[in-house]
PDB file of all heavy atoms in Angstrom:
ATOM      1  N   VAL A   1      -1.419  12.459 -24.928  1.00  0.00           N
ATOM      2  CA  VAL A   1      -2.085  12.632 -23.613  1.00  0.00           C
ATOM      3  C   VAL A   1      -3.533  12.308 -23.739  1.00  0.00           C
ATOM      4  O   VAL A   1      -4.092  11.534 -22.933  1.00  0.00           O
ATOM      5  CB  VAL A   1      -1.898  14.059 -23.079  1.00  0.00           C
ATOM      6  CG1 VAL A   1      -2.781  14.296 -21.885  1.00  0.00           C
ATOM      7  CG2 VAL A   1      -0.440  14.284 -22.691  1.00  0.00           C
ATOM      8  N   LYS A   2      -4.204  12.791 -24.766  1.00  0.00           N
ATOM      9  CA  LYS A   2      -5.672  12.577 -24.940  1.00  0.00           C
ATOM     10  C   LYS A   2      -5.962  11.113 -25.261  1.00  0.00           C
ATOM     11  O   LYS A   2      -6.913  10.600 -24.722  1.00  0.00           O
ATOM     12  CB  LYS A   2      -6.168  13.482 -26.090  1.00  0.00           C
ATOM     13  CG  LYS A   2      -7.603  13.280 -26.383  1.00  0.00           C
ATOM     14  CD  LYS A   2      -8.039  14.184 -27.644  1.00  0.00           C
ATOM     15  CE  LYS A   2      -9.510  13.923 -27.988  1.00  0.00           C
ATOM     16  NZ  LYS A   2      -9.876  14.668 -29.173  1.00  0.00           N
ATOM     17  N   GLU A   3      -5.174  10.485 -26.136  1.00  0.00           N
ATOM     18  CA  GLU A   3      -5.515   9.181 -26.633  1.00  0.00           C
ATOM     19  C   GLU A   3      -4.982   8.023 -25.765  1.00  0.00           C
ATOM     20  O   GLU A   3      -5.652   6.996 -25.674  1.00  0.00           O
ATOM     21  CB  GLU A   3      -5.013   8.980 -28.054  1.00  0.00           C
ATOM     22  CG  GLU A   3      -5.585   9.926 -29.075  1.00  0.00           C
ATOM     23  CD  GLU A   3      -7.085   9.679 -29.253  1.00  0.00           C
ATOM     24  OE1 GLU A   3      -7.493   8.524 -29.197  1.00  0.00           O
ATOM     25  OE2 GLU A   3      -7.835  10.664 -29.425  1.00  0.00           O
ATOM     26  N   LYS A   4      -3.817   8.235 -25.142  1.00  0.00           N
ATOM     27  CA  LYS A   4      -3.185   7.107 -24.449  1.00  0.00           C
ATOM     28  C   LYS A   4      -2.906   7.316 -22.921  1.00  0.00           C
ATOM     29  O   LYS A   4      -3.014   6.390 -22.197  1.00  0.00           O
ATOM     30  CB  LYS A   4      -1.820   6.824 -25.134  1.00  0.00           C
ATOM     31  CG  LYS A   4      -1.957   6.325 -26.589  1.00  0.00           C
ATOM     32  CD  LYS A   4      -2.601   4.958 -26.634  1.00  0.00           C
ATOM     33  CE  LYS A   4      -2.620   4.417 -28.041  1.00  0.00           C
ATOM     34  NZ  LYS A   4      -3.206   3.028 -28.115  1.00  0.00           N
ATOM     35  N   ILE A   5      -2.533   8.544 -22.572  1.00  0.00           N
ATOM     36  CA  ILE A   5      -2.104   8.767 -21.193  1.00  0.00           C
ATOM     37  C   ILE A   5      -3.224   9.040 -20.283  1.00  0.00           C
ATOM     38  O   ILE A   5      -3.410   8.374 -19.208  1.00  0.00           O
ATOM     39  CB  ILE A   5      -1.021   9.859 -21.191  1.00  0.00           C
ATOM     40  CG1 ILE A   5       0.172   9.471 -22.000  1.00  0.00           C
ATOM     41  CG2 ILE A   5      -0.619  10.178 -19.754  1.00  0.00           C
ATOM     42  CD1 ILE A   5       1.245  10.530 -22.160  1.00  0.00           C
ATOM     43  N   ALA A   6      -4.093  10.010 -20.640  1.00  0.00           N
ATOM     44  CA  ALA A   6      -5.219  10.360 -19.720  1.00  0.00           C
ATOM     45  C   ALA A   6      -6.207   9.212 -19.514  1.00  0.00           C
ATOM     46  O   ALA A   6      -6.635   8.986 -18.355  1.00  0.00           O
ATOM     47  CB  ALA A   6      -5.957  11.625 -20.298  1.00  0.00           C
ATOM     48  N   PRO A   7      -6.593   8.459 -20.568  1.00  0.00           N
ATOM     49  CA  PRO A   7      -7.520   7.356 -20.276  1.00  0.00           C
ATOM     50  C   PRO A   7      -7.019   6.307 -19.355  1.00  0.00           C
ATOM     51  O   PRO A   7      -7.806   5.562 -18.782  1.00  0.00           O
ATOM     52  CB  PRO A   7      -7.714   6.773 -21.728  1.00  0.00           C
ATOM     53  CG  PRO A   7      -7.407   7.906 -22.654  1.00  0.00           C
ATOM     54  CD  PRO A   7      -6.313   8.654 -21.983  1.00  0.00           C
ATOM     55  N   ALA A   8      -5.694   6.184 -19.185  1.00  0.00           N
ATOM     56  CA  ALA A   8      -5.151   5.118 -18.328  1.00  0.00           C
ATOM     57  C   ALA A   8      -4.760   5.682 -16.936  1.00  0.00           C
ATOM     58  O   ALA A   8      -4.015   5.013 -16.195  1.00  0.00           O
ATOM     59  CB  ALA A   8      -3.898   4.532 -18.991  1.00  0.00           C
ATOM     60  N   THR A   9      -5.238   6.852 -16.589  1.00  0.00           N
ATOM     61  CA  THR A   9      -4.896   7.499 -15.308  1.00  0.00           C
ATOM     62  C   THR A   9      -5.208   6.588 -14.108  1.00  0.00           C
ATOM     63  O   THR A   9      -4.366   6.360 -13.232  1.00  0.00           O
ATOM     64  CB  THR A   9      -5.591   8.831 -15.161  1.00  0.00           C
ATOM     65  OG1 THR A   9      -5.155   9.695 -16.222  1.00  0.00           O
ATOM     66  CG2 THR A   9      -5.192   9.472 -13.828  1.00  0.00           C
ATOM     67  N   ALA A  10      -6.389   6.029 -14.047  1.00  0.00           N
ATOM     68  CA  ALA A  10      -6.832   5.234 -12.907  1.00  0.00           C
ATOM     69  C   ALA A  10      -5.996   3.972 -12.782  1.00  0.00           C
ATOM     70  O   ALA A  10      -5.524   3.625 -11.698  1.00  0.00           O
ATOM     71  CB  ALA A  10      -8.315   4.870 -13.031  1.00  0.00           C
ATOM     72  N   ALA A  11      -5.743   3.295 -13.892  1.00  0.00           N
ATOM     73  CA  ALA A  11      -4.915   2.086 -13.856  1.00  0.00           C
ATOM     74  C   ALA A  11      -3.470   2.416 -13.461  1.00  0.00           C
ATOM     75  O   ALA A  11      -2.836   1.683 -12.714  1.00  0.00           O
ATOM     76  CB  ALA A  11      -4.916   1.402 -15.226  1.00  0.00           C
ATOM     77  N   ARG A  12      -2.984   3.546 -13.905  1.00  0.00           N
ATOM     78  CA  ARG A  12      -1.613   3.939 -13.604  1.00  0.00           C
ATOM     79  C   ARG A  12      -1.514   4.218 -12.128  1.00  0.00           C
ATOM     80  O   ARG A  12      -0.482   3.849 -11.446  1.00  0.00           O
ATOM     81  CB  ARG A  12      -1.212   5.158 -14.467  1.00  0.00           C
ATOM     82  CG  ARG A  12       0.280   5.543 -14.328  1.00  0.00           C
ATOM     83  CD  ARG A  12       0.681   6.486 -15.435  1.00  0.00           C
ATOM     84  NE  ARG A  12      -0.167   7.696 -15.460  1.00  0.00           N
ATOM     85  CZ  ARG A  12      -1.046   7.966 -16.424  1.00  0.00           C
ATOM     86  NH1 ARG A  12      -1.269   7.136 -17.427  1.00  0.00           N
ATOM     87  NH2 ARG A  12      -1.712   9.078 -16.399  1.00  0.00           N
ATOM     88  N   ARG A  13      -2.481   4.920 -11.547  1.00  0.00           N
ATOM     89  CA  ARG A  13      -2.454   5.235 -10.105  1.00  0.00           C
ATOM     90  C   ARG A  13      -2.552   3.973  -9.293  1.00  0.00           C
ATOM     91  O   ARG A  13      -1.901   3.850  -8.231  1.00  0.00           O
ATOM     92  CB  ARG A  13      -3.560   6.221  -9.778  1.00  0.00           C
ATOM     93  CG  ARG A  13      -3.300   7.623 -10.271  1.00  0.00           C
ATOM     94  CD  ARG A  13      -4.512   8.530 -10.033  1.00  0.00           C
ATOM     95  NE  ARG A  13      -4.203   9.902 -10.401  1.00  0.00           N
ATOM     96  CZ  ARG A  13      -5.101  10.885 -10.473  1.00  0.00           C
ATOM     97  NH1 ARG A  13      -6.363  10.611 -10.180  1.00  0.00           N
ATOM     98  NH2 ARG A  13      -4.768  12.094 -10.801  1.00  0.00           N
ATOM     99  N   ALA A  14      -3.360   2.992  -9.729  1.00  0.00           N
ATOM    100  CA  ALA A  14      -3.442   1.740  -9.019  1.00  0.00           C
ATOM    101  C   ALA A  14      -2.085   0.994  -9.002  1.00  0.00           C
ATOM    102  O   ALA A  14      -1.687   0.462  -7.980  1.00  0.00           O
ATOM    103  CB  ALA A  14      -4.486   0.878  -9.658  1.00  0.00           C
ATOM    104  N   SER A  15      -1.398   1.027 -10.166  1.00  0.00           N
ATOM    105  CA  SER A  15      -0.128   0.355 -10.243  1.00  0.00           C
ATOM    106  C   SER A  15       0.878   1.088  -9.335  1.00  0.00           C
ATOM    107  O   SER A  15       1.694   0.457  -8.665  1.00  0.00           O
ATOM    108  CB  SER A  15       0.403   0.381 -11.649  1.00  0.00           C
ATOM    109  OG  SER A  15      -0.426  -0.403 -12.478  1.00  0.00           O
ATOM    110  N   LEU A  16       0.841   2.434  -9.325  1.00  0.00           N
ATOM    111  CA  LEU A  16       1.787   3.164  -8.457  1.00  0.00           C
ATOM    112  C   LEU A  16       1.556   2.852  -6.984  1.00  0.00           C
ATOM    113  O   LEU A  16       2.525   2.679  -6.263  1.00  0.00           O
ATOM    114  CB  LEU A  16       1.573   4.710  -8.707  1.00  0.00           C
ATOM    115  CG  LEU A  16       2.217   5.258  -9.966  1.00  0.00           C
ATOM    116  CD1 LEU A  16       1.773   6.695 -10.167  1.00  0.00           C
ATOM    117  CD2 LEU A  16       3.776   5.156  -9.911  1.00  0.00           C
ATOM    118  N   SER A  17       0.313   2.807  -6.587  1.00  0.00           N
ATOM    119  CA  SER A  17       0.055   2.532  -5.151  1.00  0.00           C
ATOM    120  C   SER A  17       0.587   1.168  -4.779  1.00  0.00           C
ATOM    121  O   SER A  17       0.982   0.948  -3.643  1.00  0.00           O
ATOM    122  CB  SER A  17      -1.394   2.619  -4.823  1.00  0.00           C
ATOM    123  OG  SER A  17      -2.152   1.632  -5.558  1.00  0.00           O
ATOM    124  N   MET A  18       0.564   0.226  -5.726  1.00  0.00           N
ATOM    125  CA  MET A  18       0.979  -1.142  -5.442  1.00  0.00           C
ATOM    126  C   MET A  18       2.541  -1.310  -5.483  1.00  0.00           C
ATOM    127  O   MET A  18       3.143  -1.910  -4.617  1.00  0.00           O
ATOM    128  CB  MET A  18       0.354  -2.109  -6.471  1.00  0.00           C
ATOM    129  CG  MET A  18       0.714  -3.578  -6.193  1.00  0.00           C
ATOM    130  SD  MET A  18      -0.041  -4.664  -7.474  1.00  0.00           S
ATOM    131  CE  MET A  18      -1.766  -4.241  -7.377  1.00  0.00           C
ATOM    132  N   TYR A  19       3.160  -0.656  -6.469  1.00  0.00           N
ATOM    133  CA  TYR A  19       4.547  -0.928  -6.757  1.00  0.00           C
ATOM    134  C   TYR A  19       5.509   0.195  -6.295  1.00  0.00           C
ATOM    135  O   TYR A  19       6.731  -0.011  -6.220  1.00  0.00           O
ATOM    136  CB  TYR A  19       4.809  -1.201  -8.228  1.00  0.00           C
ATOM    137  CG  TYR A  19       4.128  -2.513  -8.716  1.00  0.00           C
ATOM    138  CD1 TYR A  19       3.021  -2.471  -9.560  1.00  0.00           C
ATOM    139  CD2 TYR A  19       4.598  -3.744  -8.250  1.00  0.00           C
ATOM    140  CE1 TYR A  19       2.362  -3.639  -9.966  1.00  0.00           C
ATOM    141  CE2 TYR A  19       3.944  -4.905  -8.686  1.00  0.00           C
ATOM    142  CZ  TYR A  19       2.826  -4.861  -9.535  1.00  0.00           C
ATOM    143  OH  TYR A  19       2.204  -5.980  -9.938  1.00  0.00           O
ATOM    144  N   LEU A  20       4.974   1.363  -6.003  1.00  0.00           N
ATOM    145  CA  LEU A  20       5.808   2.470  -5.633  1.00  0.00           C
ATOM    146  C   LEU A  20       6.741   2.159  -4.461  1.00  0.00           C
ATOM    147  O   LEU A  20       7.940   2.514  -4.448  1.00  0.00           O
ATOM    148  CB  LEU A  20       5.029   3.726  -5.391  1.00  0.00           C
ATOM    149  CG  LEU A  20       5.832   5.039  -5.155  1.00  0.00           C
ATOM    150  CD1 LEU A  20       6.709   5.331  -6.365  1.00  0.00           C
ATOM    151  CD2 LEU A  20       4.863   6.210  -4.872  1.00  0.00           C
ATOM    152  N   PRO A  21       6.224   1.533  -3.365  1.00  0.00           N
ATOM    153  CA  PRO A  21       7.115   1.233  -2.235  1.00  0.00           C
ATOM    154  C   PRO A  21       8.326   0.341  -2.640  1.00  0.00           C
ATOM    155  O   PRO A  21       9.407   0.495  -2.047  1.00  0.00           O
ATOM    156  CB  PRO A  21       6.192   0.504  -1.286  1.00  0.00           C
ATOM    157  CG  PRO A  21       4.834   0.923  -1.595  1.00  0.00           C
ATOM    158  CD  PRO A  21       4.848   1.118  -3.097  1.00  0.00           C
ATOM    159  N   LEU A  22       8.143  -0.513  -3.650  1.00  0.00           N
ATOM    160  CA  LEU A  22       9.249  -1.389  -4.063  1.00  0.00           C
ATOM    161  C   LEU A  22      10.308  -0.609  -4.904  1.00  0.00           C
ATOM    162  O   LEU A  22      11.496  -0.849  -4.798  1.00  0.00           O
ATOM    163  CB  LEU A  22       8.696  -2.547  -4.925  1.00  0.00           C
ATOM    164  CG  LEU A  22       7.768  -3.508  -4.235  1.00  0.00           C
ATOM    165  CD1 LEU A  22       7.161  -4.487  -5.222  1.00  0.00           C
ATOM    166  CD2 LEU A  22       8.455  -4.230  -3.091  1.00  0.00           C
ATOM    167  N   PHE A  23       9.856   0.341  -5.755  1.00  0.00           N
ATOM    168  CA  PHE A  23      10.753   0.982  -6.634  1.00  0.00           C
ATOM    169  C   PHE A  23      11.260   2.371  -6.156  1.00  0.00           C
ATOM    170  O   PHE A  23      12.170   2.880  -6.704  1.00  0.00           O
ATOM    171  CB  PHE A  23      10.047   1.200  -8.015  1.00  0.00           C
ATOM    172  CG  PHE A  23       9.937  -0.048  -8.791  1.00  0.00           C
ATOM    173  CD1 PHE A  23       8.774  -0.797  -8.781  1.00  0.00           C
ATOM    174  CD2 PHE A  23      11.008  -0.508  -9.590  1.00  0.00           C
ATOM    175  CE1 PHE A  23       8.670  -1.956  -9.503  1.00  0.00           C
ATOM    176  CE2 PHE A  23      10.905  -1.678 -10.280  1.00  0.00           C
ATOM    177  CZ  PHE A  23       9.738  -2.400 -10.237  1.00  0.00           C
ATOM    178  N   ALA A  24      10.628   2.881  -5.081  1.00  0.00           N
ATOM    179  CA  ALA A  24      11.014   4.191  -4.602  1.00  0.00           C
ATOM    180  C   ALA A  24      12.471   4.312  -4.176  1.00  0.00           C
ATOM    181  O   ALA A  24      13.187   5.306  -4.579  1.00  0.00           O
ATOM    182  CB  ALA A  24      10.080   4.693  -3.459  1.00  0.00           C
ATOM    183  N   PRO A  25      13.013   3.296  -3.438  1.00  0.00           N
ATOM    184  CA  PRO A  25      14.467   3.434  -3.045  1.00  0.00           C
ATOM    185  C   PRO A  25      15.355   3.434  -4.267  1.00  0.00           C
ATOM    186  O   PRO A  25      16.331   4.206  -4.320  1.00  0.00           O
ATOM    187  CB  PRO A  25      14.683   2.158  -2.179  1.00  0.00           C
ATOM    188  CG  PRO A  25      13.316   1.811  -1.686  1.00  0.00           C
ATOM    189  CD  PRO A  25      12.387   2.191  -2.797  1.00  0.00           C
ATOM    190  N   PHE A  26      15.056   2.579  -5.254  1.00  0.00           N
ATOM    191  CA  PHE A  26      15.829   2.555  -6.492  1.00  0.00           C
ATOM    192  C   PHE A  26      15.727   3.920  -7.227  1.00  0.00           C
ATOM    193  O   PHE A  26      16.737   4.418  -7.694  1.00  0.00           O
ATOM    194  CB  PHE A  26      15.318   1.441  -7.419  1.00  0.00           C
ATOM    195  CG  PHE A  26      16.056   1.358  -8.729  1.00  0.00           C
ATOM    196  CD1 PHE A  26      17.335   0.791  -8.808  1.00  0.00           C
ATOM    197  CD2 PHE A  26      15.456   1.833  -9.885  1.00  0.00           C
ATOM    198  CE1 PHE A  26      17.987   0.698 -10.012  1.00  0.00           C
ATOM    199  CE2 PHE A  26      16.113   1.761 -11.090  1.00  0.00           C
ATOM    200  CZ  PHE A  26      17.325   1.207 -11.214  1.00  0.00           C
ATOM    201  N   SER A  27      14.564   4.448  -7.290  1.00  0.00           N
ATOM    202  CA  SER A  27      14.338   5.728  -7.963  1.00  0.00           C
ATOM    203  C   SER A  27      15.143   6.851  -7.273  1.00  0.00           C
ATOM    204  O   SER A  27      15.761   7.688  -7.942  1.00  0.00           O
ATOM    205  CB  SER A  27      12.905   6.078  -7.958  1.00  0.00           C
ATOM    206  OG  SER A  27      12.655   7.348  -8.556  1.00  0.00           O
ATOM    207  N   ARG A  28      15.190   6.841  -5.934  1.00  0.00           N
ATOM    208  CA  ARG A  28      15.935   7.821  -5.212  1.00  0.00           C
ATOM    209  C   ARG A  28      17.436   7.704  -5.475  1.00  0.00           C
ATOM    210  O   ARG A  28      18.166   8.696  -5.627  1.00  0.00           O
ATOM    211  CB  ARG A  28      15.674   7.728  -3.718  1.00  0.00           C
ATOM    212  CG  ARG A  28      14.279   8.283  -3.251  1.00  0.00           C
ATOM    213  CD  ARG A  28      14.187   8.444  -1.784  1.00  0.00           C
ATOM    214  NE  ARG A  28      14.180   7.132  -1.092  1.00  0.00           N
ATOM    215  CZ  ARG A  28      13.104   6.477  -0.785  1.00  0.00           C
ATOM    216  NH1 ARG A  28      11.896   6.967  -1.089  1.00  0.00           N
ATOM    217  NH2 ARG A  28      13.164   5.323  -0.161  1.00  0.00           N
ATOM    218  N   ASP A  29      17.933   6.463  -5.551  1.00  0.00           N
ATOM    219  CA  ASP A  29      19.316   6.225  -5.897  1.00  0.00           C
ATOM    220  C   ASP A  29      19.647   6.804  -7.299  1.00  0.00           C
ATOM    221  O   ASP A  29      20.649   7.460  -7.518  1.00  0.00           O
ATOM    222  CB  ASP A  29      19.662   4.713  -5.839  1.00  0.00           C
ATOM    223  CG  ASP A  29      19.787   4.204  -4.449  1.00  0.00           C
ATOM    224  OD1 ASP A  29      19.926   5.000  -3.533  1.00  0.00           O
ATOM    225  OD2 ASP A  29      19.725   2.950  -4.258  1.00  0.00           O
ATOM    226  N   MET A  30      18.768   6.477  -8.238  1.00  0.00           N
ATOM    227  CA  MET A  30      19.029   6.965  -9.632  1.00  0.00           C
ATOM    228  C   MET A  30      19.035   8.527  -9.696  1.00  0.00           C
ATOM    229  O   MET A  30      19.851   9.111 -10.365  1.00  0.00           O
ATOM    230  CB  MET A  30      17.947   6.420 -10.564  1.00  0.00           C
ATOM    231  CG  MET A  30      18.029   4.922 -10.794  1.00  0.00           C
ATOM    232  SD  MET A  30      19.607   4.337 -11.474  1.00  0.00           S
ATOM    233  CE  MET A  30      20.399   3.698 -10.007  1.00  0.00           C
ATOM    234  N   ALA A  31      18.110   9.142  -8.929  1.00  0.00           N
ATOM    235  CA  ALA A  31      18.083  10.615  -8.923  1.00  0.00           C
ATOM    236  C   ALA A  31      19.344  11.156  -8.292  1.00  0.00           C
ATOM    237  O   ALA A  31      19.857  12.168  -8.768  1.00  0.00           O
ATOM    238  CB  ALA A  31      16.796  11.074  -8.124  1.00  0.00           C
ATOM    239  N   ARG A  32      19.829  10.464  -7.248  1.00  0.00           N
ATOM    240  CA  ARG A  32      21.051  10.968  -6.617  1.00  0.00           C
ATOM    241  C   ARG A  32      22.269  10.810  -7.550  1.00  0.00           C
ATOM    242  O   ARG A  32      23.110  11.715  -7.680  1.00  0.00           O
ATOM    243  CB  ARG A  32      21.274  10.170  -5.336  1.00  0.00           C
ATOM    244  CG  ARG A  32      22.538  10.710  -4.542  1.00  0.00           C
ATOM    245  CD  ARG A  32      22.683   9.977  -3.217  1.00  0.00           C
ATOM    246  NE  ARG A  32      23.304   8.646  -3.385  1.00  0.00           N
ATOM    247  CZ  ARG A  32      22.640   7.514  -3.310  1.00  0.00           C
ATOM    248  NH1 ARG A  32      21.342   7.494  -3.060  1.00  0.00           N
ATOM    249  NH2 ARG A  32      23.229   6.336  -3.462  1.00  0.00           N
ATOM    250  N   PHE A  33      22.327   9.680  -8.268  1.00  0.00           N
ATOM    251  CA  PHE A  33      23.436   9.466  -9.205  1.00  0.00           C
ATOM    252  C   PHE A  33      23.396  10.505 -10.327  1.00  0.00           C
ATOM    253  O   PHE A  33      24.384  10.992 -10.820  1.00  0.00           O
ATOM    254  CB  PHE A  33      23.368   8.056  -9.811  1.00  0.00           C
ATOM    255  CG  PHE A  33      23.633   6.950  -8.767  1.00  0.00           C
ATOM    256  CD1 PHE A  33      22.992   5.752  -8.907  1.00  0.00           C
ATOM    257  CD2 PHE A  33      24.462   7.156  -7.725  1.00  0.00           C
ATOM    258  CE1 PHE A  33      23.212   4.732  -7.976  1.00  0.00           C
ATOM    259  CE2 PHE A  33      24.705   6.147  -6.795  1.00  0.00           C
ATOM    260  CZ  PHE A  33      24.057   4.940  -6.938  1.00  0.00           C
ATOM    261  N   ARG A  34      22.158  10.805 -10.789  1.00  0.00           N
ATOM    262  CA  ARG A  34      22.024  11.813 -11.870  1.00  0.00           C
ATOM    263  C   ARG A  34      22.512  13.169 -11.406  1.00  0.00           C
ATOM    264  O   ARG A  34      23.230  13.831 -12.121  1.00  0.00           O
ATOM    265  CB  ARG A  34      20.579  11.900 -12.299  1.00  0.00           C
ATOM    266  CG  ARG A  34      20.392  12.751 -13.574  1.00  0.00           C
ATOM    267  CD  ARG A  34      18.916  13.040 -13.968  1.00  0.00           C
ATOM    268  NE  ARG A  34      18.317  13.976 -12.986  1.00  0.00           N
ATOM    269  CZ  ARG A  34      17.399  13.668 -12.129  1.00  0.00           C
ATOM    270  NH1 ARG A  34      16.991  12.423 -11.993  1.00  0.00           N
ATOM    271  NH2 ARG A  34      16.911  14.598 -11.324  1.00  0.00           N
ATOM    272  N   ARG A  35      22.120  13.597 -10.178  1.00  0.00           N
ATOM    273  CA  ARG A  35      22.594  14.867  -9.673  1.00  0.00           C
ATOM    274  C   ARG A  35      24.112  14.874  -9.517  1.00  0.00           C
ATOM    275  O   ARG A  35      24.804  15.832  -9.854  1.00  0.00           O
ATOM    276  CB  ARG A  35      21.961  15.158  -8.295  1.00  0.00           C
ATOM    277  CG  ARG A  35      20.465  15.477  -8.367  1.00  0.00           C
ATOM    278  CD  ARG A  35      19.952  16.060  -7.071  1.00  0.00           C
ATOM    279  NE  ARG A  35      20.122  15.083  -5.953  1.00  0.00           N
ATOM    280  CZ  ARG A  35      19.200  14.219  -5.631  1.00  0.00           C
ATOM    281  NH1 ARG A  35      18.023  14.133  -6.316  1.00  0.00           N
ATOM    282  NH2 ARG A  35      19.370  13.387  -4.626  1.00  0.00           N
ATOM    283  N   GLN A  36      24.633  13.768  -9.079  1.00  0.00           N
ATOM    284  CA  GLN A  36      26.090  13.604  -8.884  1.00  0.00           C
ATOM    285  C   GLN A  36      26.832  13.725 -10.246  1.00  0.00           C
ATOM    286  O   GLN A  36      27.977  14.217 -10.261  1.00  0.00           O
ATOM    287  CB  GLN A  36      26.451  12.283  -8.196  1.00  0.00           C
ATOM    288  CG  GLN A  36      27.884  12.100  -7.776  1.00  0.00           C
ATOM    289  CD  GLN A  36      28.076  10.793  -7.069  1.00  0.00           C
ATOM    290  OE1 GLN A  36      27.122  10.087  -6.704  1.00  0.00           O
ATOM    291  NE2 GLN A  36      29.342  10.402  -6.871  1.00  0.00           N
ATOM    292  N   SER A  37      26.204  13.258 -11.305  1.00  0.00           N
ATOM    293  CA  SER A  37      26.874  13.252 -12.616  1.00  0.00           C
ATOM    294  C   SER A  37      27.164  14.656 -13.147  1.00  0.00           C
ATOM    295  O   SER A  37      27.971  14.807 -14.066  1.00  0.00           O
ATOM    296  CB  SER A  37      25.991  12.490 -13.624  1.00  0.00           C
ATOM    297  OG  SER A  37      24.824  13.211 -14.003  1.00  0.00           O
ATOM    298  N   TYR A  38      26.520  15.644 -12.586  1.00  0.00           N
ATOM    299  CA  TYR A  38      26.761  17.033 -13.023  1.00  0.00           C
ATOM    300  C   TYR A  38      28.012  17.608 -12.266  1.00  0.00           C
ATOM    301  O   TYR A  38      28.466  18.725 -12.632  1.00  0.00           O
ATOM    302  CB  TYR A  38      25.552  17.923 -12.741  1.00  0.00           C
ATOM    303  CG  TYR A  38      24.432  17.734 -13.728  1.00  0.00           C
ATOM    304  CD1 TYR A  38      23.411  16.840 -13.458  1.00  0.00           C
ATOM    305  CD2 TYR A  38      24.436  18.398 -14.971  1.00  0.00           C
ATOM    306  CE1 TYR A  38      22.417  16.635 -14.366  1.00  0.00           C
ATOM    307  CE2 TYR A  38      23.401  18.192 -15.849  1.00  0.00           C
ATOM    308  CZ  TYR A  38      22.389  17.316 -15.556  1.00  0.00           C
ATOM    309  OH  TYR A  38      21.359  17.106 -16.462  1.00  0.00           O
TER     310      TYR A  38
END
């Protein structure tokens, strides 16, 4: 967290704001399939 994750917070948030709308539907499908697998 200290060496790799926290220093990249701003860049990660910028990527999320750009690409989240594209991947959100896929992510919701995967979450639903995971719940269904139980």
